[in-house]
Amino acid sequence: MEAKKFNVFVIGSGIAGQTVATSCAKAGLKVAIADKRAFGGTCANRGCDPKKVLLAATEALQQTAQLKGIGLEGKMEINWKKLQKFKRTFTKSVPKATEKKLLEAGITLYHQSPKFLDRNTLSVEGKMIKADHIVIATGLEPVNLPINGSKHLNTSDDFLNLKTLPEKLVFIGGGYVGMEFAHIAARAGAKVTVIDSGDLPLKGFDQDLVERLVAYSKTLGIEFIMNAKASTIKKLKKNYKVYYKQGDKKHHLKTAMVFNTAGRVPALKALDLEKGRVDFNANGIEVNTFLQSKSNDLVYACGDVADSNLPLTPLSGREGYVVAENIIRNRKKRIDVPVIPSAVFTLPNLASVGYSEEEAKKRYKNVIVKSGDASSWFNAKRWNAPVYAYKILLNERTGEIVGAHLLGPDAGETINTFALAINHKMTEDDLQGTIFSYPSWVYDTKSMV
């Protein structure tokens, strides 16, 4: 079989893969791209974007509930079917629009996951492909949970496409996805249980603020079963039994649906990377600072699948540009990673940027910790918001802001101000000397430092 040849072959059509493919095609290279799922990637089709559409209804419901009796009257509730219909107006057109854009750029499309045959040869759709450069941008997929009855587990895709919302749901795993979905489902009327193996959910976020978030989440009816491991899922006639172990004791509960929200891992299983001599680990493709495979210099990896940085969408695009630049100009462009904010879109939002308190105290000789409850501040009171808190970390020697952790309304937006401050090495005096619009959530940052 004669191989078809390309300058660049991209695996994965999310933002990272699209960026590489379109940039290389614009530079005159012969480019192909493949994806085994709908073109457009996770974020636009089955991740960040549709989640935020569902979240919008719960945001409105939350604000209405907070102001009920003090300015608003009447009952408001979520119509799940209509909300899902609205969500599909955002996602339905993504695959075709993505394919159209790529085709118009002169890029060849394949609708299957390729497999490596050797260092620069792939097999896809029954065809043999040779490429000067192969770019892996396949993103993440749900981790496999090694429990009995795992075939009954649903994924985040299933939740985002639920036609009707069951009365009872169990989420195994209290990370970003589990906590965000738990808040959406609880506010939409479901009885929700989160099972997690740790002392608290949301590892990696400030644990003082996580404790506050958990306490508030319980007022929504969300039950937390911590330090527990699910062992078996048993199908009943209409429902499921989830068996779990907590300490030395075994327990079970009954639910309508069970979701695997225990985390996501690099999507690499289908690629036969060993044949391509592409080394990888649990965090993804092992790459150098140029996002080039350490074991096969013909291969690059970018986005969530690369063992390089945090799996965040804005960074995926930046990594895609770096890979494209290195391929097009045959030069060594390093990935420059700024301080990156992250947010959990529960209500209230939990957001973080820079060092944690523990990290800051290890890095700097003296750290000033400014933390407090801001629920009595004007912005929280005007919304009658029940939770608003912060923790800001300063390097005592320089006065620079080195970490910020927020819990409250719009924290996912406000955290960007602190990201800007940290990236530009601003001090507490710099931030307090900046004039922000008043009264806004961002204005509160001046009081936090």
Protein backbone atom coordinates (compact mmCIF):
# COMPACT_ATOMS: atom_id res chain seq x y z
CA MET A 1 0.00 0.00 0.00
CA GLU A 2 1.42 3.35 -1.05
CA ALA A 3 1.41 5.93 1.72
CA LYS A 4 -0.22 9.32 1.35
CA LYS A 5 2.15 12.10 2.42
CA PHE A 6 1.56 15.23 4.47
CA ASN A 7 3.83 17.84 5.96
CA VAL A 8 1.76 17.87 9.14
CA PHE A 9 -0.76 15.36 10.50
CA VAL A 10 -2.76 16.51 13.54
CA ILE A 11 -4.61 14.09 15.81
CA GLY A 12 -7.44 15.85 17.64
CA SER A 13 -9.69 18.73 16.57
CA GLY A 14 -10.01 20.75 19.77
CA ILE A 15 -8.62 24.25 20.10
CA ALA A 16 -5.00 23.03 20.26
CA GLY A 17 -5.28 20.81 17.19
CA GLN A 18 -7.23 23.38 15.19
CA THR A 19 -4.65 26.06 15.98
CA VAL A 20 -1.77 23.93 14.71
CA ALA A 21 -3.64 22.75 11.61
CA THR A 22 -4.92 26.14 10.45
CA SER A 23 -1.63 27.93 11.18
CA CYS A 24 0.38 25.35 9.24
CA ALA A 25 -2.08 25.34 6.34
CA LYS A 26 -1.96 29.13 6.15
CA ALA A 27 1.82 28.87 5.90
CA GLY A 28 1.46 26.69 2.81
CA LEU A 29 2.06 23.26 4.34
CA LYS A 30 0.07 20.19 3.37
CA VAL A 31 -2.00 19.39 6.44
CA ALA A 32 -4.42 16.69 7.58
CA ILE A 33 -6.38 16.37 10.82
CA ALA A 34 -8.17 13.40 12.35
CA ASP A 35 -10.71 12.96 15.14
CA LYS A 36 -12.69 9.89 16.16
CA ARG A 37 -15.42 12.07 17.67
CA ALA A 38 -17.36 15.12 16.50
CA PHE A 39 -15.01 17.82 15.25
CA GLY A 40 -14.55 20.80 17.55
CA GLY A 41 -13.12 19.17 20.66
CA THR A 42 -14.32 18.65 24.20
CA CYS A 43 -14.76 22.23 25.38
CA ALA A 44 -17.14 23.36 22.64
CA ASN A 45 -19.04 20.08 22.16
CA ARG A 46 -19.21 18.35 25.53
CA GLY A 47 -17.35 20.36 28.16
CA CYS A 48 -16.88 23.96 29.26
CA ASP A 49 -19.34 25.66 26.91
CA PRO A 50 -22.46 23.45 27.29
CA LYS A 51 -21.80 23.23 31.04
CA LYS A 52 -21.84 27.03 31.31
CA VAL A 53 -25.12 27.19 29.38
CA LEU A 54 -26.75 24.83 31.89
CA LEU A 55 -25.14 26.81 34.69
CA ALA A 56 -26.74 30.06 33.50
CA ALA A 57 -30.20 28.89 34.54
CA THR A 58 -29.00 27.91 37.99
CA GLU A 59 -27.27 31.29 38.37
CA ALA A 60 -30.57 33.06 37.70
CA LEU A 61 -32.39 30.70 40.05
CA GLN A 62 -29.82 31.27 42.79
CA GLN A 63 -30.02 35.06 42.55
CA THR A 64 -33.81 34.92 42.51
CA ALA A 65 -33.84 32.71 45.61
CA GLN A 66 -31.49 35.06 47.45
CA LEU A 67 -33.75 38.04 46.80
CA LYS A 68 -37.05 36.30 47.44
CA GLY A 69 -39.07 38.23 49.98
CA ILE A 70 -36.80 41.28 49.83
CA GLY A 71 -37.69 42.52 46.37
CA LEU A 72 -38.73 39.48 44.38
CA GLU A 73 -41.85 37.37 44.74
CA GLY A 74 -43.20 34.25 43.09
CA LYS A 75 -41.73 30.85 42.38
CA MET A 76 -39.07 30.17 39.76
CA GLU A 77 -37.97 26.67 38.73
CA ILE A 78 -35.79 25.05 36.08
CA ASN A 79 -37.42 23.35 33.11
CA TRP A 80 -34.70 20.81 32.30
CA LYS A 81 -36.01 19.87 28.86
CA LYS A 82 -36.19 23.47 27.68
CA LEU A 83 -32.79 24.19 29.16
CA GLN A 84 -31.29 21.25 27.27
CA LYS A 85 -32.94 22.44 24.07
CA PHE A 86 -31.37 25.87 24.58
CA LYS A 87 -27.98 24.27 25.24
CA ARG A 88 -28.15 22.40 21.93
CA THR A 89 -28.38 25.71 20.06
CA PHE A 90 -24.77 26.25 21.15
CA THR A 91 -23.42 22.76 20.45
CA LYS A 92 -25.36 21.45 17.44
CA SER A 93 -23.56 23.56 14.85
CA VAL A 94 -20.03 23.14 16.24
CA PRO A 95 -18.91 19.98 14.35
CA LYS A 96 -20.09 21.12 10.90
CA ALA A 97 -18.80 24.65 11.40
CA THR A 98 -15.41 23.31 12.50
CA GLU A 99 -15.17 20.95 9.53
CA LYS A 100 -16.16 23.74 7.14
CA LYS A 101 -13.46 26.05 8.52
CA LEU A 102 -10.80 23.35 8.23
CA LEU A 103 -11.83 22.33 4.71
CA GLU A 104 -11.83 25.95 3.56
CA ALA A 105 -8.26 26.17 4.84
CA GLY A 106 -7.33 23.30 2.52
CA ILE A 107 -6.94 20.73 5.29
CA THR A 108 -7.74 17.04 4.69
CA LEU A 109 -10.11 15.52 7.27
CA TYR A 110 -10.21 11.99 8.69
CA HIS A 111 -12.91 10.69 11.00
CA GLN A 112 -11.09 7.97 12.90
CA SER A 113 -8.40 7.68 15.52
CA PRO A 114 -5.06 6.98 13.80
CA LYS A 115 -2.59 4.37 15.00
CA PHE A 116 1.18 4.67 14.80
CA LEU A 117 2.96 2.15 12.61
CA ASP A 118 6.43 3.65 13.09
CA ARG A 119 8.05 7.01 13.95
CA ASN A 120 6.29 8.97 11.18
CA THR A 121 3.75 6.54 9.73
CA LEU A 122 0.10 6.23 10.70
CA SER A 123 -2.81 4.04 9.77
CA VAL A 124 -6.21 5.73 9.54
CA GLU A 125 -9.45 4.79 7.77
CA GLY A 126 -7.62 1.86 6.18
CA LYS A 127 -5.04 4.16 4.63
CA MET A 128 -1.32 4.52 5.30
CA ILE A 129 -0.13 8.04 6.06
CA LYS A 130 3.40 9.42 6.24
CA ALA A 131 4.01 12.83 7.75
CA ASP A 132 7.03 15.03 8.31
CA HIS A 133 5.51 16.04 11.64
CA ILE A 134 2.77 14.40 13.70
CA VAL A 135 0.96 16.48 16.32
CA ILE A 136 -0.97 14.78 19.12
CA ALA A 137 -3.76 16.93 20.56
CA THR A 138 -6.28 14.33 21.69
CA GLY A 139 -7.16 15.89 25.04
CA LEU A 140 -8.46 14.01 28.06
CA GLU A 141 -11.04 11.31 28.67
CA PRO A 142 -12.72 9.94 31.84
CA VAL A 143 -10.48 7.73 33.95
CA ASN A 144 -11.53 4.09 34.14
CA LEU A 145 -12.80 3.20 37.61
CA PRO A 146 -11.77 -0.38 38.54
CA ILE A 147 -15.00 -1.31 40.30
CA ASN A 148 -17.49 -4.12 39.79
CA GLY A 149 -20.35 -3.05 37.55
CA SER A 150 -18.40 -0.15 36.04
CA LYS A 151 -20.37 -0.65 32.81
CA HIS A 152 -23.26 1.06 34.59
CA LEU A 153 -21.29 4.26 35.12
CA ASN A 154 -22.23 7.35 33.16
CA THR A 155 -19.82 10.11 32.13
CA SER A 156 -19.90 13.89 31.92
CA ASP A 157 -21.09 13.52 28.30
CA ASP A 158 -24.16 11.66 29.54
CA PHE A 159 -24.97 14.28 32.17
CA LEU A 160 -24.71 17.14 29.68
CA ASN A 161 -27.14 15.31 27.38
CA LEU A 162 -29.70 14.11 29.93
CA LYS A 163 -33.17 14.42 28.42
CA THR A 164 -34.77 14.29 31.85
CA LEU A 165 -33.14 14.82 35.23
CA PRO A 166 -33.48 11.82 37.58
CA GLU A 167 -34.68 12.32 41.15
CA LYS A 168 -31.48 10.87 42.61
CA LEU A 169 -27.90 10.99 41.31
CA VAL A 170 -24.55 9.85 42.65
CA PHE A 171 -21.25 11.38 41.54
CA ILE A 172 -18.16 9.30 42.26
CA GLY A 173 -15.42 11.90 42.55
CA GLY A 174 -15.50 15.42 43.94
CA GLY A 175 -13.31 17.29 41.48
CA TYR A 176 -14.27 20.14 39.16
CA VAL A 177 -16.78 18.10 37.19
CA GLY A 178 -18.41 16.33 40.10
CA MET A 179 -18.87 19.49 42.14
CA GLU A 180 -20.14 21.62 39.26
CA PHE A 181 -22.64 18.98 38.15
CA ALA A 182 -23.72 18.37 41.76
CA HIS A 183 -24.61 22.07 42.11
CA ILE A 184 -26.46 22.16 38.79
CA ALA A 185 -28.45 19.00 39.54
CA ALA A 186 -29.28 19.98 43.11
CA ARG A 187 -30.63 23.36 42.08
CA ALA A 188 -32.63 21.70 39.31
CA GLY A 189 -34.38 19.59 41.94
CA ALA A 190 -32.39 16.34 42.19
CA LYS A 191 -31.18 14.65 45.35
CA VAL A 192 -27.40 14.50 44.96
CA THR A 193 -24.69 12.47 46.66
CA VAL A 194 -20.95 12.95 46.12
CA ILE A 195 -18.61 10.08 47.05
CA ASP A 196 -14.92 10.94 47.30
CA SER A 197 -11.81 9.21 48.64
CA GLY A 198 -10.35 12.33 50.28
CA ASP A 199 -11.09 14.34 53.40
CA LEU A 200 -12.48 17.11 51.22
CA PRO A 201 -13.39 17.47 47.54
CA LEU A 202 -11.53 19.78 45.13
CA LYS A 203 -7.96 18.83 45.87
CA GLY A 204 -5.57 21.58 44.80
CA PHE A 205 -7.80 24.42 45.94
CA ASP A 206 -7.48 26.26 49.23
CA GLN A 207 -8.87 23.84 51.76
CA ASP A 208 -10.18 26.56 54.11
CA LEU A 209 -12.37 27.87 51.31
CA VAL A 210 -13.31 24.35 50.20
CA GLU A 211 -14.62 23.67 53.72
CA ARG A 212 -16.84 26.74 53.43
CA LEU A 213 -18.07 25.61 50.01
CA VAL A 214 -18.89 22.11 51.28
CA ALA A 215 -20.79 23.51 54.25
CA TYR A 216 -22.87 25.69 51.94
CA SER A 217 -23.36 22.85 49.43
CA LYS A 218 -24.97 20.80 52.18
CA THR A 219 -27.66 23.47 52.58
CA LEU A 220 -28.64 22.71 48.97
CA GLY A 221 -29.25 19.10 49.98
CA ILE A 222 -26.00 17.73 48.56
CA GLU A 223 -24.72 14.84 50.67
CA PHE A 224 -20.98 14.22 50.91
CA ILE A 225 -19.55 10.80 51.69
CA MET A 226 -15.85 11.39 52.22
CA ASN A 227 -12.91 9.03 52.78
CA ALA A 228 -14.91 6.44 50.90
CA LYS A 229 -14.28 4.19 47.92
CA ALA A 230 -17.00 2.81 45.67
CA SER A 231 -16.62 -0.94 45.15
CA THR A 232 -19.65 -2.21 43.25
CA ILE A 233 -22.57 -0.92 41.22
CA LYS A 234 -25.52 -3.30 41.02
CA LYS A 235 -28.39 -2.88 38.55
CA LEU A 236 -31.88 -3.16 39.98
CA LYS A 237 -35.14 -3.11 38.01
CA LYS A 238 -35.32 0.65 37.79
CA ASN A 239 -32.47 1.94 39.90
CA TYR A 240 -28.93 1.07 40.97
CA LYS A 241 -27.26 0.17 44.24
CA VAL A 242 -23.88 1.73 44.88
CA TYR A 243 -21.75 -0.16 47.38
CA TYR A 244 -18.87 1.66 49.02
CA LYS A 245 -16.41 1.22 51.86
CA GLN A 246 -15.79 3.93 54.42
CA GLY A 247 -13.11 3.04 56.92
CA ASP A 248 -13.68 -0.59 57.91
CA LYS A 249 -17.40 -0.44 57.26
CA LYS A 250 -19.32 -1.32 54.11
CA HIS A 251 -22.38 0.68 53.06
CA HIS A 252 -24.70 1.06 50.10
CA LEU A 253 -27.24 3.49 48.75
CA LYS A 254 -29.85 3.47 46.01
CA THR A 255 -29.93 5.93 43.15
CA ALA A 256 -31.36 6.44 39.66
CA MET A 257 -28.01 7.16 37.96
CA VAL A 258 -24.31 6.95 38.82
CA PHE A 259 -21.67 9.18 37.24
CA ASN A 260 -17.92 8.70 37.02
CA THR A 261 -16.48 12.10 37.92
CA ALA A 262 -13.28 10.71 39.44
CA GLY A 263 -11.06 12.62 37.02
CA ARG A 264 -9.79 12.63 33.47
CA VAL A 265 -6.64 11.16 31.93
CA PRO A 266 -4.77 11.72 28.64
CA ALA A 267 -6.62 10.13 25.70
CA LEU A 268 -3.81 7.95 24.35
CA LYS A 269 -5.00 4.34 24.40
CA ALA A 270 -5.99 4.11 20.74
CA LEU A 271 -2.76 5.53 19.27
CA ASP A 272 -0.26 2.64 19.66
CA LEU A 273 2.36 5.09 20.85
CA GLU A 274 4.91 2.37 21.52
CA LYS A 275 5.13 1.66 17.79
CA GLY A 276 5.76 5.35 17.17
CA ARG A 277 8.46 5.41 19.86
CA VAL A 278 6.55 8.13 21.69
CA ASP A 279 7.15 8.04 25.44
CA PHE A 280 4.32 8.96 27.80
CA ASN A 281 3.35 8.75 31.44
CA ALA A 282 0.20 9.15 33.52
CA ASN A 283 0.20 12.90 32.83
CA GLY A 284 0.50 12.62 29.06
CA ILE A 285 3.08 12.74 26.27
CA GLU A 286 6.55 13.46 27.64
CA VAL A 287 7.64 16.68 25.92
CA ASN A 288 10.50 19.15 26.16
CA THR A 289 10.10 22.93 26.52
CA PHE A 290 9.42 23.14 22.77
CA LEU A 291 6.44 20.71 23.17
CA GLN A 292 8.37 18.14 21.17
CA SER A 293 8.33 14.48 22.13
CA LYS A 294 11.44 13.64 24.12
CA SER A 295 11.74 10.26 22.41
CA ASN A 296 10.60 11.05 18.84
CA ASP A 297 11.53 14.49 17.52
CA LEU A 298 9.07 14.18 14.62
CA VAL A 299 6.18 14.25 17.09
CA TYR A 300 4.76 17.20 19.03
CA ALA A 301 2.03 17.25 21.66
CA CYS A 302 -0.09 20.18 22.80
CA GLY A 303 -3.15 20.86 24.87
CA ASP A 304 -4.35 18.67 27.71
CA VAL A 305 -2.63 15.55 26.37
CA ALA A 306 0.89 16.96 26.81
CA ASP A 307 2.71 16.50 30.10
CA SER A 308 3.55 20.19 30.18
CA ASN A 309 1.15 22.40 32.07
CA LEU A 310 -2.33 22.66 33.52
CA PRO A 311 -5.18 21.21 31.38
CA LEU A 312 -6.89 24.52 30.70
CA THR A 313 -8.44 25.63 27.41
CA PRO A 314 -6.75 29.08 27.14
CA LEU A 315 -3.36 27.40 27.48
CA SER A 316 -4.21 24.83 24.78
CA GLY A 317 -4.45 27.57 22.17
CA ARG A 318 -1.14 29.07 23.25
CA GLU A 319 0.55 25.66 23.07
CA GLY A 320 -0.92 25.12 19.60
CA TYR A 321 0.70 28.35 18.38
CA VAL A 322 4.06 27.31 19.82
CA VAL A 323 3.94 23.95 18.04
CA ALA A 324 2.88 25.56 14.77
CA GLU A 325 5.69 28.11 15.02
CA ASN A 326 8.28 25.39 15.62
CA ILE A 327 7.05 23.38 12.63
CA ILE A 328 6.62 26.29 10.20
CA ARG A 329 9.85 28.10 10.94
CA ASN A 330 11.86 25.06 11.95
CA ARG A 331 13.03 26.83 15.06
CA LYS A 332 12.94 26.16 18.78
CA LYS A 333 10.22 28.33 20.31
CA ARG A 334 9.68 27.63 23.99
CA ILE A 335 6.32 27.61 25.69
CA ASP A 336 6.03 30.67 27.92
CA VAL A 337 3.47 29.95 30.62
CA PRO A 338 2.12 32.84 32.68
CA VAL A 339 0.40 32.42 36.02
CA ILE A 340 -2.94 30.85 35.12
CA PRO A 341 -6.19 31.30 37.05
CA SER A 342 -8.60 28.42 37.49
CA ALA A 343 -12.19 28.36 38.67
CA VAL A 344 -14.79 25.85 39.78
CA PHE A 345 -18.17 27.06 38.57
CA THR A 346 -20.16 25.95 41.53
CA LEU A 347 -22.41 28.63 43.00
CA PRO A 348 -20.65 30.34 44.68
CA ASN A 349 -17.59 30.10 42.42
CA LEU A 350 -14.31 28.89 43.89
CA ALA A 351 -11.31 30.43 42.13
CA SER A 352 -7.56 30.40 42.53
CA VAL A 353 -4.39 31.83 40.98
CA GLY A 354 -0.73 31.72 41.97
CA TYR A 355 0.65 29.88 44.98
CA SER A 356 -1.33 28.10 47.65
CA GLU A 357 -0.63 29.10 51.24
CA GLU A 358 1.53 26.00 51.72
CA GLU A 359 3.48 26.59 48.50
CA ALA A 360 4.05 30.27 49.26
CA LYS A 361 5.42 29.52 52.74
CA LYS A 362 7.87 27.03 51.24
CA ARG A 363 9.04 29.48 48.59
CA TYR A 364 9.31 32.73 50.58
CA LYS A 365 10.89 33.41 53.94
CA ASN A 366 7.93 35.44 55.19
CA VAL A 367 4.42 35.37 53.81
CA ILE A 368 1.57 37.68 54.75
CA VAL A 369 -1.79 35.90 54.68
CA LYS A 370 -4.80 38.19 54.37
CA SER A 371 -8.01 36.25 54.70
CA GLY A 372 -11.53 36.91 55.84
CA ASP A 373 -15.27 36.57 55.50
CA ALA A 374 -16.65 39.24 53.18
CA SER A 375 -20.31 38.30 53.40
CA SER A 376 -21.02 41.57 55.24
CA TRP A 377 -19.50 43.70 52.45
CA PHE A 378 -21.80 45.79 50.27
CA ASN A 379 -21.62 43.64 47.13
CA ALA A 380 -22.52 40.47 49.01
CA LYS A 381 -25.30 42.18 50.96
CA ARG A 382 -26.94 43.71 47.89
CA TRP A 383 -27.29 40.20 46.46
CA ASN A 384 -28.05 38.73 49.88
CA ALA A 385 -25.23 36.29 49.05
CA PRO A 386 -24.72 33.70 51.80
CA VAL A 387 -21.03 32.99 51.10
CA TYR A 388 -18.18 35.37 50.26
CA ALA A 389 -14.61 34.82 51.47
CA TYR A 390 -11.02 35.30 50.39
CA LYS A 391 -7.38 34.48 51.10
CA ILE A 392 -4.63 36.64 49.57
CA LEU A 393 -0.92 35.83 49.90
CA LEU A 394 1.83 38.45 49.84
CA ASN A 395 5.60 38.18 49.82
CA GLU A 396 6.39 40.26 52.91
CA ARG A 397 9.81 41.37 51.61
CA THR A 398 8.53 42.86 48.33
CA GLY A 399 4.84 43.36 49.04
CA GLU A 400 4.05 41.46 45.82
CA ILE A 401 0.85 39.49 45.53
CA VAL A 402 1.85 35.83 45.02
CA GLY A 403 -1.43 33.98 45.46
CA ALA A 404 -5.17 34.65 45.54
CA HIS A 405 -8.07 32.40 46.49
CA LEU A 406 -11.68 33.51 46.29
CA LEU A 407 -15.05 31.99 47.14
CA GLY A 408 -18.12 33.92 46.21
CA PRO A 409 -20.36 35.37 43.50
CA ASP A 410 -18.42 36.15 40.32
CA ALA A 411 -15.16 34.83 41.81
CA GLY A 412 -14.47 33.19 38.44
CA GLU A 413 -14.34 36.67 36.94
CA THR A 414 -12.70 38.58 39.81
CA ILE A 415 -9.80 36.11 39.95
CA ASN A 416 -8.63 37.44 36.57
CA THR A 417 -7.73 40.74 38.22
CA PHE A 418 -5.41 38.90 40.58
CA ALA A 419 -3.95 36.92 37.64
CA LEU A 420 -3.07 40.21 35.98
CA ALA A 421 -1.59 41.53 39.22
CA ILE A 422 0.59 38.48 39.81
CA ASN A 423 1.80 38.26 36.22
CA HIS A 424 2.88 41.90 36.37
CA LYS A 425 4.42 41.57 39.85
CA MET A 426 2.05 44.10 41.34
CA THR A 427 2.24 44.88 45.05
CA GLU A 428 -0.63 45.48 47.45
CA ASP A 429 0.05 49.23 47.07
CA ASP A 430 -0.15 48.94 43.27
CA LEU A 431 -3.53 47.24 43.47
CA GLN A 432 -4.91 49.62 46.07
CA GLY A 433 -3.69 52.53 43.96
CA THR A 434 -5.61 51.33 40.90
CA ILE A 435 -9.00 52.94 40.31
CA PHE A 436 -11.74 50.39 39.60
CA SER A 437 -15.40 51.05 38.91
CA TYR A 438 -17.46 51.29 42.08
CA PRO A 439 -19.30 49.43 43.43
CA SER A 440 -18.13 46.36 41.52
CA TRP A 441 -16.88 42.93 42.60
CA VAL A 442 -13.40 43.82 41.32
CA TYR A 443 -13.40 46.93 43.52
CA ASP A 444 -13.48 44.56 46.50
CA THR A 445 -9.98 43.35 45.63
CA LYS A 446 -8.59 46.59 47.05
CA SER A 447 -10.03 45.71 50.46
CA MET A 448 -8.77 42.13 50.26
CA VAL A 449 -5.10 43.14 50.06
